[in-house]
N, C-alpha and C. Protein backbone atom coordinates (compact mmCIF):
# COMPACT_ATOMS: atom_id res chain seq x y z
N MET A 1 17.92 -49.36 27.24
CA MET A 1 16.89 -49.10 26.87
C MET A 1 16.73 -47.57 26.64
N MET A 2 16.37 -46.92 25.64
CA MET A 2 16.14 -45.59 25.50
C MET A 2 14.94 -45.07 26.08
N ILE A 3 15.19 -43.92 27.06
CA ILE A 3 13.83 -43.31 27.44
C ILE A 3 13.49 -42.15 26.79
N ILE A 4 12.34 -41.89 26.19
CA ILE A 4 11.93 -40.74 25.57
C ILE A 4 11.22 -39.87 26.54
N ARG A 5 11.52 -38.75 26.80
CA ARG A 5 11.07 -37.96 27.75
C ARG A 5 9.80 -37.05 26.87
N PRO A 6 8.95 -36.84 27.74
CA PRO A 6 7.62 -36.08 27.23
C PRO A 6 7.79 -34.79 26.41
N TYR A 7 8.89 -34.02 26.95
CA TYR A 7 9.01 -32.61 26.31
C TYR A 7 9.59 -32.76 25.03
N ALA A 8 10.24 -33.84 24.73
CA ALA A 8 11.05 -34.24 23.54
C ALA A 8 9.78 -34.49 22.40
N ILE A 9 8.95 -35.34 22.78
CA ILE A 9 7.90 -35.54 21.95
C ILE A 9 6.97 -34.29 21.75
N VAL A 10 6.69 -33.58 22.71
CA VAL A 10 6.01 -32.25 22.55
C VAL A 10 6.71 -31.22 21.58
N SER A 11 8.08 -31.16 21.67
CA SER A 11 9.01 -30.40 20.82
C SER A 11 8.77 -30.57 19.39
N VAL A 12 9.00 -31.98 19.13
CA VAL A 12 8.86 -32.54 17.81
C VAL A 12 7.52 -32.32 17.06
N VAL A 13 6.46 -32.48 17.79
CA VAL A 13 5.00 -32.18 17.45
C VAL A 13 4.78 -30.88 17.16
N LEU A 14 5.56 -29.90 17.94
CA LEU A 14 5.37 -28.50 17.53
C LEU A 14 6.07 -28.06 16.42
N ILE A 15 7.25 -28.61 16.24
CA ILE A 15 8.19 -28.18 14.99
C ILE A 15 7.36 -28.72 13.82
N ILE A 16 6.66 -29.83 13.83
CA ILE A 16 6.04 -30.35 12.78
C ILE A 16 4.75 -29.58 12.38
N ALA A 17 3.96 -29.06 13.55
CA ALA A 17 2.90 -28.22 13.35
C ALA A 17 3.18 -27.06 12.68
N ILE A 18 4.21 -26.34 13.25
CA ILE A 18 4.76 -25.09 12.63
C ILE A 18 5.06 -25.16 11.27
N ALA A 19 5.71 -26.16 10.81
CA ALA A 19 6.14 -26.37 9.37
C ALA A 19 5.01 -26.77 8.58
N VAL A 20 3.91 -27.39 9.09
CA VAL A 20 2.68 -27.61 8.32
C VAL A 20 2.04 -26.25 7.99
N LEU A 21 1.67 -25.63 9.09
CA LEU A 21 0.94 -24.30 9.29
C LEU A 21 1.71 -23.25 8.15
N SER A 22 3.05 -23.22 8.23
CA SER A 22 3.80 -22.14 7.42
C SER A 22 3.80 -22.65 5.99
N TYR A 23 3.81 -23.83 5.83
CA TYR A 23 3.65 -24.53 4.36
C TYR A 23 2.19 -24.04 3.78
N SER A 24 1.19 -24.27 4.69
CA SER A 24 -0.24 -24.06 4.10
C SER A 24 -0.37 -22.56 3.92
N TYR A 25 0.19 -21.80 4.82
CA TYR A 25 -0.01 -20.14 4.77
C TYR A 25 0.71 -19.71 3.61
N LEU A 26 1.87 -20.22 3.29
CA LEU A 26 2.64 -19.80 1.97
C LEU A 26 1.71 -20.27 0.66
N ARG A 27 1.29 -21.51 0.86
CA ARG A 27 0.68 -22.02 -0.44
C ARG A 27 -0.65 -21.16 -0.59
N SER A 28 -1.28 -20.54 0.34
CA SER A 28 -2.54 -19.95 0.16
C SER A 28 -2.29 -18.37 -0.08
N SER A 29 -1.14 -17.78 0.22
CA SER A 29 -0.82 -16.56 -0.14
C SER A 29 -0.30 -16.42 -1.50
N ASP A 30 -0.27 -15.26 -2.09
CA ASP A 30 0.24 -14.98 -3.42
C ASP A 30 1.92 -15.21 -3.53
N VAL A 31 2.40 -14.84 -2.30
CA VAL A 31 3.83 -14.99 -2.23
C VAL A 31 4.38 -16.62 -1.93
N SER A 32 5.09 -16.94 -2.84
CA SER A 32 5.51 -18.62 -2.89
C SER A 32 7.06 -18.69 -2.91
N ILE A 33 7.48 -19.35 -1.93
CA ILE A 33 9.10 -19.77 -2.08
C ILE A 33 9.13 -21.18 -2.57
N PHE A 34 8.11 -21.90 -2.86
CA PHE A 34 8.20 -23.28 -3.40
C PHE A 34 7.91 -23.25 -5.04
N SER A 35 8.44 -24.15 -5.73
CA SER A 35 8.10 -24.25 -7.11
C SER A 35 6.97 -25.33 -7.18
N HIS A 36 5.96 -24.74 -7.98
CA HIS A 36 4.75 -25.64 -8.16
C HIS A 36 4.73 -26.13 -9.73
N SER A 37 4.18 -27.34 -9.64
CA SER A 37 3.90 -27.85 -11.19
C SER A 37 2.69 -26.96 -11.61
N SER A 38 2.49 -26.87 -12.97
CA SER A 38 1.65 -26.03 -13.52
C SER A 38 0.15 -26.55 -13.20
N ASP A 39 -0.07 -27.82 -12.96
CA ASP A 39 -1.50 -28.23 -12.31
C ASP A 39 -1.70 -27.77 -10.96
N ASP A 40 -0.68 -27.38 -10.12
CA ASP A 40 -0.61 -27.06 -8.77
C ASP A 40 -0.76 -25.48 -8.59
N MET A 41 -0.46 -24.74 -9.70
CA MET A 41 -0.45 -23.34 -9.43
C MET A 41 -1.67 -22.60 -9.18
N HIS A 42 -1.55 -21.51 -8.38
CA HIS A 42 -2.73 -20.57 -8.25
C HIS A 42 -3.19 -19.98 -9.45
N THR A 43 -4.35 -19.25 -9.58
CA THR A 43 -4.59 -18.45 -10.74
C THR A 43 -3.70 -17.14 -10.76
N ALA A 44 -3.36 -16.59 -9.71
CA ALA A 44 -2.57 -15.48 -9.91
C ALA A 44 -1.17 -15.71 -10.33
N ASP A 45 -0.53 -16.97 -9.89
CA ASP A 45 0.59 -17.52 -10.37
C ASP A 45 0.62 -17.74 -11.96
N LYS A 46 -0.56 -18.36 -12.33
CA LYS A 46 -0.81 -18.91 -13.75
C LYS A 46 -0.59 -17.49 -14.52
N ALA A 47 -1.29 -16.44 -14.13
CA ALA A 47 -1.55 -15.22 -14.96
C ALA A 47 -0.16 -14.57 -15.05
N ALA A 48 0.51 -14.53 -13.98
CA ALA A 48 1.90 -13.91 -14.01
C ALA A 48 3.04 -14.80 -14.74
N ALA A 49 2.64 -16.18 -14.83
CA ALA A 49 3.55 -16.92 -15.54
C ALA A 49 3.19 -16.69 -17.00
N GLU A 50 2.07 -16.31 -17.51
CA GLU A 50 1.65 -15.95 -18.86
C GLU A 50 2.06 -14.78 -19.33
N GLU A 51 2.35 -13.75 -18.48
CA GLU A 51 2.86 -12.46 -18.83
C GLU A 51 4.13 -12.42 -19.54
N LYS A 52 4.44 -11.57 -20.55
CA LYS A 52 5.55 -11.56 -21.13
C LYS A 52 6.70 -10.80 -20.18
N PRO A 53 7.85 -11.23 -20.50
CA PRO A 53 8.96 -10.48 -19.53
C PRO A 53 9.12 -8.94 -19.98
N VAL A 54 9.21 -8.30 -18.98
CA VAL A 54 9.49 -6.67 -19.19
C VAL A 54 11.12 -6.40 -19.53
N ASP A 55 11.00 -5.64 -20.59
CA ASP A 55 12.32 -5.14 -21.07
C ASP A 55 12.80 -3.95 -20.21
N ILE A 56 13.87 -4.11 -19.30
CA ILE A 56 14.06 -3.23 -18.38
C ILE A 56 14.71 -1.83 -19.08
N ASN A 57 15.39 -1.98 -20.03
CA ASN A 57 16.01 -1.10 -20.77
C ASN A 57 14.96 -0.14 -21.45
N ALA A 58 14.05 -0.74 -22.10
CA ALA A 58 12.86 0.02 -22.70
C ALA A 58 12.07 0.82 -21.74
N ALA A 59 11.66 0.21 -20.56
CA ALA A 59 11.02 0.86 -19.57
C ALA A 59 11.70 2.15 -19.00
N THR A 60 13.09 2.05 -18.72
CA THR A 60 13.89 2.95 -18.40
C THR A 60 13.94 4.17 -19.33
N THR A 61 14.17 3.79 -20.62
CA THR A 61 14.19 4.69 -21.69
C THR A 61 12.66 5.36 -21.79
N ALA A 62 11.74 4.89 -21.74
CA ALA A 62 10.48 5.54 -21.77
C ALA A 62 10.18 6.45 -20.63
N LYS A 63 10.81 6.21 -19.45
CA LYS A 63 10.50 7.12 -18.38
C LYS A 63 11.67 8.33 -18.19
N ALA A 64 12.62 8.04 -18.99
CA ALA A 64 13.67 9.01 -18.85
C ALA A 64 13.21 10.21 -19.63
N GLN A 65 13.48 11.39 -19.03
CA GLN A 65 13.06 12.57 -19.52
C GLN A 65 14.46 13.28 -20.08
N PRO A 66 14.11 14.14 -21.17
CA PRO A 66 15.20 14.68 -21.74
C PRO A 66 15.78 15.80 -20.82
N ALA A 67 17.16 16.00 -20.99
CA ALA A 67 17.87 16.75 -20.27
C ALA A 67 17.28 18.34 -20.43
N LEU A 68 17.09 19.06 -19.58
CA LEU A 68 16.62 20.45 -19.75
C LEU A 68 17.71 21.50 -19.36
N LYS A 69 17.80 22.46 -20.12
CA LYS A 69 18.55 23.59 -19.89
C LYS A 69 17.80 24.75 -19.53
N SER A 70 18.19 25.79 -18.66
CA SER A 70 17.49 27.02 -18.53
C SER A 70 18.11 28.16 -18.77
N TYR A 71 17.56 29.23 -19.37
CA TYR A 71 18.17 30.24 -20.07
C TYR A 71 17.31 31.60 -19.53
N ILE A 72 17.97 32.68 -19.28
CA ILE A 72 17.25 33.87 -19.07
C ILE A 72 17.29 34.86 -20.19
N ILE A 73 16.02 35.33 -20.59
CA ILE A 73 15.89 36.21 -21.53
C ILE A 73 15.70 37.57 -20.93
N GLN A 74 16.58 38.56 -21.22
CA GLN A 74 16.51 39.79 -20.39
C GLN A 74 16.53 41.00 -21.51
N TYR A 75 15.36 41.90 -21.41
CA TYR A 75 15.33 42.93 -22.14
C TYR A 75 16.05 44.16 -21.61
N LYS A 76 16.81 45.03 -22.38
CA LYS A 76 17.76 45.97 -22.04
C LYS A 76 16.96 47.06 -21.31
N SER A 77 15.71 47.29 -21.65
CA SER A 77 14.98 48.29 -21.20
C SER A 77 13.68 47.91 -20.16
N LEU A 78 13.59 48.39 -19.10
CA LEU A 78 12.50 48.09 -18.30
C LEU A 78 11.14 48.50 -18.93
N ASP A 79 11.36 49.33 -19.70
CA ASP A 79 10.05 49.78 -20.42
C ASP A 79 9.58 49.18 -21.45
N THR A 80 10.10 47.77 -21.81
CA THR A 80 9.63 46.96 -23.04
C THR A 80 8.28 46.51 -22.69
N PRO A 81 7.25 47.04 -23.74
CA PRO A 81 5.99 46.81 -23.78
C PRO A 81 5.40 45.22 -23.41
N ASP A 82 4.49 44.99 -22.67
CA ASP A 82 3.90 43.63 -22.56
C ASP A 82 3.81 42.82 -23.88
N SER A 83 3.18 43.57 -25.11
CA SER A 83 3.00 42.85 -26.14
C SER A 83 4.46 42.34 -26.78
N VAL A 84 5.36 42.98 -26.73
CA VAL A 84 6.90 42.56 -27.25
C VAL A 84 7.28 41.30 -26.40
N VAL A 85 6.99 41.32 -24.91
CA VAL A 85 7.49 40.35 -24.13
C VAL A 85 6.46 38.91 -24.25
N ASN A 86 5.15 39.36 -24.38
CA ASN A 86 4.23 38.19 -24.78
C ASN A 86 4.55 37.46 -26.08
N PHE A 87 4.89 38.32 -27.15
CA PHE A 87 5.14 37.74 -28.38
C PHE A 87 6.37 36.90 -28.30
N ALA A 88 7.20 37.36 -27.38
CA ALA A 88 8.68 36.43 -27.50
C ALA A 88 8.39 35.17 -26.59
N MET A 89 7.57 35.15 -25.33
CA MET A 89 7.10 34.12 -24.80
C MET A 89 6.41 33.17 -25.64
N ASN A 90 5.66 33.61 -26.38
CA ASN A 90 4.80 32.61 -27.29
C ASN A 90 5.62 32.07 -28.31
N ALA A 91 6.59 32.78 -28.71
CA ALA A 91 7.71 32.15 -29.76
C ALA A 91 8.45 31.04 -29.10
N ILE A 92 8.72 31.20 -27.79
CA ILE A 92 9.38 30.05 -27.13
C ILE A 92 8.51 28.97 -27.09
N LYS A 93 7.32 29.19 -26.73
CA LYS A 93 6.47 28.07 -26.60
C LYS A 93 6.12 27.44 -27.84
N GLU A 94 6.02 28.02 -28.75
CA GLU A 94 5.89 27.52 -30.08
C GLU A 94 7.15 26.66 -30.71
N LEU A 95 8.25 27.19 -30.21
CA LEU A 95 9.46 26.48 -30.50
C LEU A 95 9.87 25.06 -29.61
N GLY A 96 8.82 24.80 -28.62
CA GLY A 96 9.07 23.69 -27.81
C GLY A 96 9.53 24.06 -26.42
N GLY A 97 9.78 25.18 -25.94
CA GLY A 97 10.19 25.57 -24.64
C GLY A 97 9.16 25.88 -23.75
N SER A 98 9.61 26.06 -22.56
CA SER A 98 8.60 26.34 -21.53
C SER A 98 8.88 27.73 -20.69
N ILE A 99 8.06 28.40 -20.26
CA ILE A 99 8.38 29.64 -19.34
C ILE A 99 8.43 29.23 -18.11
N THR A 100 9.38 29.48 -17.20
CA THR A 100 9.22 29.03 -15.82
C THR A 100 9.10 30.16 -14.85
N HIS A 101 9.68 31.53 -15.46
CA HIS A 101 9.37 32.66 -14.47
C HIS A 101 9.43 33.76 -15.33
N GLU A 102 8.64 35.03 -14.97
CA GLU A 102 8.61 36.07 -15.47
C GLU A 102 8.95 37.15 -14.86
N TYR A 103 9.84 38.01 -14.97
CA TYR A 103 10.58 39.23 -14.41
C TYR A 103 9.76 40.67 -14.89
N ASN A 104 9.26 41.21 -13.90
CA ASN A 104 8.66 42.64 -14.17
C ASN A 104 9.08 43.78 -13.48
N THR A 105 9.87 43.53 -12.34
CA THR A 105 10.07 44.70 -11.36
C THR A 105 11.67 45.19 -11.72
N ILE A 106 12.59 44.54 -11.07
CA ILE A 106 13.85 45.03 -11.25
C ILE A 106 14.57 44.80 -12.73
N MET A 107 14.00 43.77 -13.46
CA MET A 107 14.33 43.63 -14.82
C MET A 107 13.18 43.21 -15.68
N ARG A 108 13.22 43.32 -16.83
CA ARG A 108 12.15 42.89 -17.75
C ARG A 108 12.51 41.70 -18.48
N GLY A 109 11.89 40.59 -18.28
CA GLY A 109 12.39 39.24 -19.17
C GLY A 109 11.59 38.07 -18.54
N PHE A 110 12.24 37.07 -18.89
CA PHE A 110 11.51 35.74 -18.33
C PHE A 110 12.65 34.67 -18.48
N THR A 111 12.52 33.43 -17.84
CA THR A 111 13.38 32.39 -17.71
C THR A 111 12.53 31.22 -18.50
N ILE A 112 13.31 30.54 -19.37
CA ILE A 112 12.65 29.36 -20.10
C ILE A 112 13.72 28.06 -19.73
N THR A 113 13.08 27.05 -20.14
CA THR A 113 13.55 25.63 -20.14
C THR A 113 13.42 25.22 -21.53
N ILE A 114 14.58 24.65 -22.11
CA ILE A 114 14.37 23.80 -23.22
C ILE A 114 15.44 22.76 -23.21
N PRO A 115 15.03 21.76 -24.21
CA PRO A 115 16.07 20.71 -24.18
C PRO A 115 17.48 21.00 -24.46
N SER A 116 18.29 20.33 -23.61
CA SER A 116 19.71 20.76 -23.92
C SER A 116 20.35 20.08 -24.94
N GLY A 117 21.64 20.31 -25.46
CA GLY A 117 22.45 19.70 -26.52
C GLY A 117 22.04 20.66 -27.78
N ILE A 118 22.10 19.92 -28.96
CA ILE A 118 22.03 20.50 -30.15
C ILE A 118 20.63 21.32 -30.26
N ALA A 119 19.61 20.68 -29.66
CA ALA A 119 18.23 21.12 -29.76
C ALA A 119 18.18 22.58 -29.16
N SER A 120 18.82 22.76 -28.19
CA SER A 120 18.82 24.16 -27.53
C SER A 120 19.44 25.10 -28.37
N LYS A 121 20.63 24.95 -29.04
CA LYS A 121 21.15 25.77 -30.11
C LYS A 121 20.20 26.20 -31.16
N GLY A 122 19.55 25.22 -31.59
CA GLY A 122 18.65 25.44 -32.86
C GLY A 122 17.52 26.31 -32.25
N ILE A 123 16.92 25.92 -31.08
CA ILE A 123 15.79 26.75 -30.61
C ILE A 123 16.10 28.11 -30.30
N LEU A 124 17.27 28.48 -29.74
CA LEU A 124 17.53 29.70 -29.47
C LEU A 124 18.00 30.51 -30.61
N ALA A 125 18.56 29.96 -31.60
CA ALA A 125 18.79 30.62 -33.06
C ALA A 125 17.38 30.89 -33.61
N ALA A 126 16.62 30.09 -33.49
CA ALA A 126 15.18 30.38 -34.08
C ALA A 126 14.55 31.61 -33.20
N PHE A 127 14.53 31.43 -32.04
CA PHE A 127 13.93 32.52 -31.18
C PHE A 127 14.75 33.69 -31.48
N LYS A 128 15.99 34.00 -31.68
CA LYS A 128 16.57 35.14 -31.93
C LYS A 128 16.19 35.74 -33.11
N GLU A 129 15.86 34.94 -34.15
CA GLU A 129 15.59 35.22 -35.56
C GLU A 129 13.91 35.73 -35.45
N LYS A 130 13.10 35.04 -34.68
CA LYS A 130 11.86 35.36 -34.66
C LYS A 130 11.50 36.45 -33.84
N ALA A 131 12.08 36.71 -32.51
CA ALA A 131 11.71 37.69 -31.74
C ALA A 131 12.68 38.92 -31.72
N ALA A 132 13.48 39.02 -32.75
CA ALA A 132 14.62 40.03 -32.79
C ALA A 132 13.78 41.47 -33.00
N SER A 133 14.24 42.56 -32.41
CA SER A 133 13.74 43.74 -32.49
C SER A 133 14.72 44.89 -32.07
N LYS A 134 14.95 45.76 -33.08
CA LYS A 134 15.84 46.84 -32.93
C LYS A 134 15.52 47.72 -31.75
N ASP A 135 14.09 48.05 -31.70
CA ASP A 135 13.65 48.82 -30.69
C ASP A 135 13.71 48.39 -29.32
N PHE A 136 13.55 46.99 -29.20
CA PHE A 136 13.67 46.23 -27.82
C PHE A 136 14.65 45.14 -27.82
N PRO A 137 15.91 45.55 -27.79
CA PRO A 137 17.04 44.42 -27.71
C PRO A 137 16.87 43.63 -26.43
N PHE A 138 17.29 42.28 -26.55
CA PHE A 138 17.43 41.55 -25.34
C PHE A 138 18.75 40.60 -25.37
N THR A 139 19.01 40.22 -24.36
CA THR A 139 20.10 39.35 -24.02
C THR A 139 19.87 37.93 -23.60
N ILE A 140 20.39 36.88 -23.92
CA ILE A 140 20.09 35.46 -23.70
C ILE A 140 21.35 34.99 -22.84
N GLU A 141 21.20 34.39 -21.70
CA GLU A 141 22.40 33.87 -20.83
C GLU A 141 21.78 32.63 -20.12
N GLU A 142 22.74 31.64 -20.01
CA GLU A 142 22.53 30.44 -19.51
C GLU A 142 22.10 30.82 -17.88
N ASP A 143 20.95 30.18 -17.26
CA ASP A 143 20.64 30.44 -15.91
C ASP A 143 21.57 29.55 -15.05
N LYS A 144 22.39 30.09 -14.41
CA LYS A 144 23.54 29.28 -13.49
C LYS A 144 23.33 29.79 -12.09
N PRO A 145 23.74 29.04 -11.02
CA PRO A 145 23.83 29.71 -9.84
C PRO A 145 24.84 30.80 -9.52
N ILE A 146 24.48 31.75 -8.84
CA ILE A 146 25.51 32.91 -8.55
C ILE A 146 26.48 32.48 -7.42
N ARG A 147 27.86 32.43 -7.59
CA ARG A 147 28.79 32.36 -6.73
C ARG A 147 29.51 33.42 -6.13
N LYS A 148 29.88 33.61 -5.08
CA LYS A 148 30.73 34.61 -4.56
C LYS A 148 32.00 34.43 -4.74
């Protein structure tokens, strides 16, 4: 005859109790590891099931920012008037660029960021044409880290 020890019965009862409690906790929470029939689903689960799938490529493309390139516009003379510099900065803004820094002490000019690639060449060409001045010439160079 087989003898059933009391601690074995207690262990089985505890295991069953833990399983039942875990199951009821998972069923009551929004996180579910069990598959449910449509009649058995919670309201949040039904709403999630009705949502349309998300196109990951479209979401990534929408969030992707265009690559930007930075350039330094430097006037040859430190005596270049504010009106000339302001006109040039407004021209860059009108062409779709942005001003990131203005220089007034050691040199006269500013740093811009514009979309890279073919667009940057068009913007720079249009800027050169619009802001060109014989009295106050300037140079444009790509803003790069200086290495020793």
